[in-house]
């Protein structure tokens, strides 16, 4: 960050893409966890209410619910990290050309 200029403004000229990737991986992983819980509850409930009998449909729904609890948070975190790295790199490129974001404290 640059030092405070006129009117207490500072300009963000560079952002570490790895830092953004870590933050977005954490945030999107949390969103994926919430999404997976909702998905698991819906499909788990549908699996257990498959007429009180063991069926391929019911077993598949319970299996899907269990897989979702692991897969969604990891997938969301991975794509969040990739997106964060790309956006951070694009920001750095653009900030060199047109200047960074100015923030007033």
C-alpha atoms as a PDB file:
ATOM      1  CA  UNK A   1       0.000   0.000   0.000  1.00  0.00           C
ATOM      2  CA  UNK A   2       1.092   3.502  -0.681  1.00  0.00           C
ATOM      3  CA  UNK A   3       1.372   6.103   2.027  1.00  0.00           C
ATOM      4  CA  UNK A   4      -1.582   8.334   2.768  1.00  0.00           C
ATOM      5  CA  UNK A   5      -1.903  10.986   0.069  1.00  0.00           C
ATOM      6  CA  UNK A   6      -4.293  13.872  -0.239  1.00  0.00           C
ATOM      7  CA  UNK A   7      -7.425  13.731   1.838  1.00  0.00           C
ATOM      8  CA  UNK A   8      -6.233  10.604   3.674  1.00  0.00           C
ATOM      9  CA  UNK A   9      -6.506   8.377   0.607  1.00  0.00           C
ATOM     10  CA  UNK A  10      -4.300   5.415  -0.107  1.00  0.00           C
ATOM     11  CA  UNK A  11      -4.040   3.347  -3.260  1.00  0.00           C
ATOM     12  CA  UNK A  12      -3.873  -0.424  -3.463  1.00  0.00           C
ATOM     13  CA  UNK A  13      -1.373  -1.022  -6.254  1.00  0.00           C
ATOM     14  CA  UNK A  14      -0.691  -4.732  -5.777  1.00  0.00           C
ATOM     15  CA  UNK A  15      -2.527  -7.651  -4.227  1.00  0.00           C
ATOM     16  CA  UNK A  16      -0.857 -10.989  -3.547  1.00  0.00           C
ATOM     17  CA  UNK A  17      -2.879 -13.479  -5.656  1.00  0.00           C
ATOM     18  CA  UNK A  18      -2.027 -16.365  -3.302  1.00  0.00           C
ATOM     19  CA  UNK A  19      -3.426 -14.372  -0.375  1.00  0.00           C
ATOM     20  CA  UNK A  20      -6.724 -13.775  -2.180  1.00  0.00           C
ATOM     21  CA  UNK A  21      -6.807 -17.437  -3.226  1.00  0.00           C
ATOM     22  CA  UNK A  22      -6.529 -18.551   0.423  1.00  0.00           C
ATOM     23  CA  UNK A  23      -9.223 -16.167   1.620  1.00  0.00           C
ATOM     24  CA  UNK A  24     -11.666 -17.087  -1.154  1.00  0.00           C
ATOM     25  CA  UNK A  25     -10.974 -20.804  -0.688  1.00  0.00           C
ATOM     26  CA  UNK A  26     -11.967 -20.415   2.965  1.00  0.00           C
ATOM     27  CA  UNK A  27     -15.069 -18.329   2.202  1.00  0.00           C
ATOM     28  CA  UNK A  28     -16.286 -20.501  -0.664  1.00  0.00           C
ATOM     29  CA  UNK A  29     -15.499 -23.658   1.294  1.00  0.00           C
ATOM     30  CA  UNK A  30     -17.830 -22.366   4.018  1.00  0.00           C
ATOM     31  CA  UNK A  31     -20.518 -21.607   1.452  1.00  0.00           C
ATOM     32  CA  UNK A  32     -20.047 -25.103   0.028  1.00  0.00           C
ATOM     33  CA  UNK A  33     -20.446 -26.574   3.509  1.00  0.00           C
ATOM     34  CA  UNK A  34     -23.744 -24.767   4.024  1.00  0.00           C
ATOM     35  CA  UNK A  35     -24.907 -25.836   0.570  1.00  0.00           C
ATOM     36  CA  UNK A  36     -23.888 -29.444   1.222  1.00  0.00           C
ATOM     37  CA  UNK A  37     -25.778 -29.557   4.518  1.00  0.00           C
ATOM     38  CA  UNK A  38     -28.963 -28.347   2.823  1.00  0.00           C
ATOM     39  CA  UNK A  39     -28.436 -30.774  -0.081  1.00  0.00           C
ATOM     40  CA  UNK A  40     -27.760 -33.662   2.318  1.00  0.00           C
ATOM     41  CA  UNK A  41     -30.820 -32.951   4.414  1.00  0.00           C
ATOM     42  CA  UNK A  42     -33.076 -32.845   1.363  1.00  0.00           C
ATOM     43  CA  UNK A  43     -31.684 -35.937  -0.346  1.00  0.00           C
ATOM     44  CA  UNK A  44     -31.150 -37.799   2.918  1.00  0.00           C
ATOM     45  CA  UNK A  45     -34.768 -37.191   3.857  1.00  0.00           C
ATOM     46  CA  UNK A  46     -35.928 -38.341   0.429  1.00  0.00           C
ATOM     47  CA  UNK A  47     -33.817 -41.482   0.793  1.00  0.00           C
ATOM     48  CA  UNK A  48     -35.289 -42.371   4.169  1.00  0.00           C
ATOM     49  CA  UNK A  49     -38.851 -41.763   3.009  1.00  0.00           C
ATOM     50  CA  UNK A  50     -38.658 -44.094   0.020  1.00  0.00           C
ATOM     51  CA  UNK A  51     -41.704 -46.043   1.149  1.00  0.00           C
ATOM     52  CA  UNK A  52     -40.066 -47.667   4.180  1.00  0.00           C
ATOM     53  CA  UNK A  53     -38.265 -50.202   2.037  1.00  0.00           C
ATOM     54  CA  UNK A  54     -34.740 -50.482   0.739  1.00  0.00           C
ATOM     55  CA  UNK A  55     -34.699 -49.390  -2.867  1.00  0.00           C
ATOM     56  CA  UNK A  56     -32.115 -48.360  -5.401  1.00  0.00           C
ATOM     57  CA  UNK A  57     -33.629 -44.881  -5.496  1.00  0.00           C
ATOM     58  CA  UNK A  58     -33.534 -44.495  -1.708  1.00  0.00           C
ATOM     59  CA  UNK A  59     -30.013 -45.851  -1.392  1.00  0.00           C
ATOM     60  CA  UNK A  60     -28.793 -43.537  -4.106  1.00  0.00           C
ATOM     61  CA  UNK A  61     -30.269 -40.515  -2.376  1.00  0.00           C
ATOM     62  CA  UNK A  62     -28.629 -41.343   0.965  1.00  0.00           C
ATOM     63  CA  UNK A  63     -25.312 -42.006  -0.787  1.00  0.00           C
ATOM     64  CA  UNK A  64     -25.621 -38.680  -2.637  1.00  0.00           C
ATOM     65  CA  UNK A  65     -26.238 -36.893   0.638  1.00  0.00           C
ATOM     66  CA  UNK A  66     -23.105 -38.377   2.217  1.00  0.00           C
ATOM     67  CA  UNK A  67     -20.919 -37.640  -0.815  1.00  0.00           C
ATOM     68  CA  UNK A  68     -22.228 -34.068  -0.925  1.00  0.00           C
ATOM     69  CA  UNK A  69     -20.983 -33.394   2.604  1.00  0.00           C
ATOM     70  CA  UNK A  70     -17.432 -34.046   1.440  1.00  0.00           C
ATOM     71  CA  UNK A  71     -17.495 -33.073  -2.228  1.00  0.00           C
ATOM     72  CA  UNK A  72     -19.274 -29.691  -2.190  1.00  0.00           C
ATOM     73  CA  UNK A  73     -17.052 -27.927   0.361  1.00  0.00           C
ATOM     74  CA  UNK A  74     -13.886 -29.205  -1.336  1.00  0.00           C
ATOM     75  CA  UNK A  75     -15.101 -28.335  -4.840  1.00  0.00           C
ATOM     76  CA  UNK A  76     -16.289 -24.871  -3.778  1.00  0.00           C
ATOM     77  CA  UNK A  77     -12.976 -24.217  -1.986  1.00  0.00           C
ATOM     78  CA  UNK A  78     -10.957 -25.334  -5.002  1.00  0.00           C
ATOM     79  CA  UNK A  79     -12.898 -23.166  -7.441  1.00  0.00           C
ATOM     80  CA  UNK A  80     -12.808 -20.265  -4.984  1.00  0.00           C
ATOM     81  CA  UNK A  81      -9.023 -20.531  -4.756  1.00  0.00           C
ATOM     82  CA  UNK A  82      -8.644 -20.658  -8.539  1.00  0.00           C
ATOM     83  CA  UNK A  83     -10.985 -17.692  -8.991  1.00  0.00           C
ATOM     84  CA  UNK A  84      -9.167 -15.720  -6.281  1.00  0.00           C
ATOM     85  CA  UNK A  85      -5.798 -16.308  -7.893  1.00  0.00           C
ATOM     86  CA  UNK A  86      -7.072 -15.320 -11.337  1.00  0.00           C
ATOM     87  CA  UNK A  87      -8.860 -12.204 -10.064  1.00  0.00           C
ATOM     88  CA  UNK A  88      -5.822 -11.138  -8.027  1.00  0.00           C
ATOM     89  CA  UNK A  89      -3.563 -11.540 -11.049  1.00  0.00           C
ATOM     90  CA  UNK A  90      -5.985  -9.620 -13.274  1.00  0.00           C
ATOM     91  CA  UNK A  91      -6.234  -6.853 -10.693  1.00  0.00           C
ATOM     92  CA  UNK A  92      -2.451  -6.513 -10.558  1.00  0.00           C
ATOM     93  CA  UNK A  93      -2.296  -6.290 -14.357  1.00  0.00           C
ATOM     94  CA  UNK A  94      -5.053  -3.674 -14.488  1.00  0.00           C
ATOM     95  CA  UNK A  95      -3.626  -1.678 -11.557  1.00  0.00           C
ATOM     96  CA  UNK A  96      -0.317  -1.319 -13.427  1.00  0.00           C
ATOM     97  CA  UNK A  97      -2.122   0.064 -16.474  1.00  0.00           C
ATOM     98  CA  UNK A  98      -4.767   2.368 -14.968  1.00  0.00           C
ATOM     99  CA  UNK A  99      -3.875   2.663 -11.293  1.00  0.00           C
ATOM    100  CA  UNK A 100      -5.128   0.883  -8.219  1.00  0.00           C
ATOM    101  CA  UNK A 101      -8.224   1.254  -6.092  1.00  0.00           C
ATOM    102  CA  UNK A 102      -8.169   4.345  -3.870  1.00  0.00           C
ATOM    103  CA  UNK A 103      -9.418   3.984  -0.315  1.00  0.00           C
ATOM    104  CA  UNK A 104     -10.109   6.767   2.158  1.00  0.00           C
ATOM    105  CA  UNK A 105      -9.650   6.000   5.859  1.00  0.00           C
END
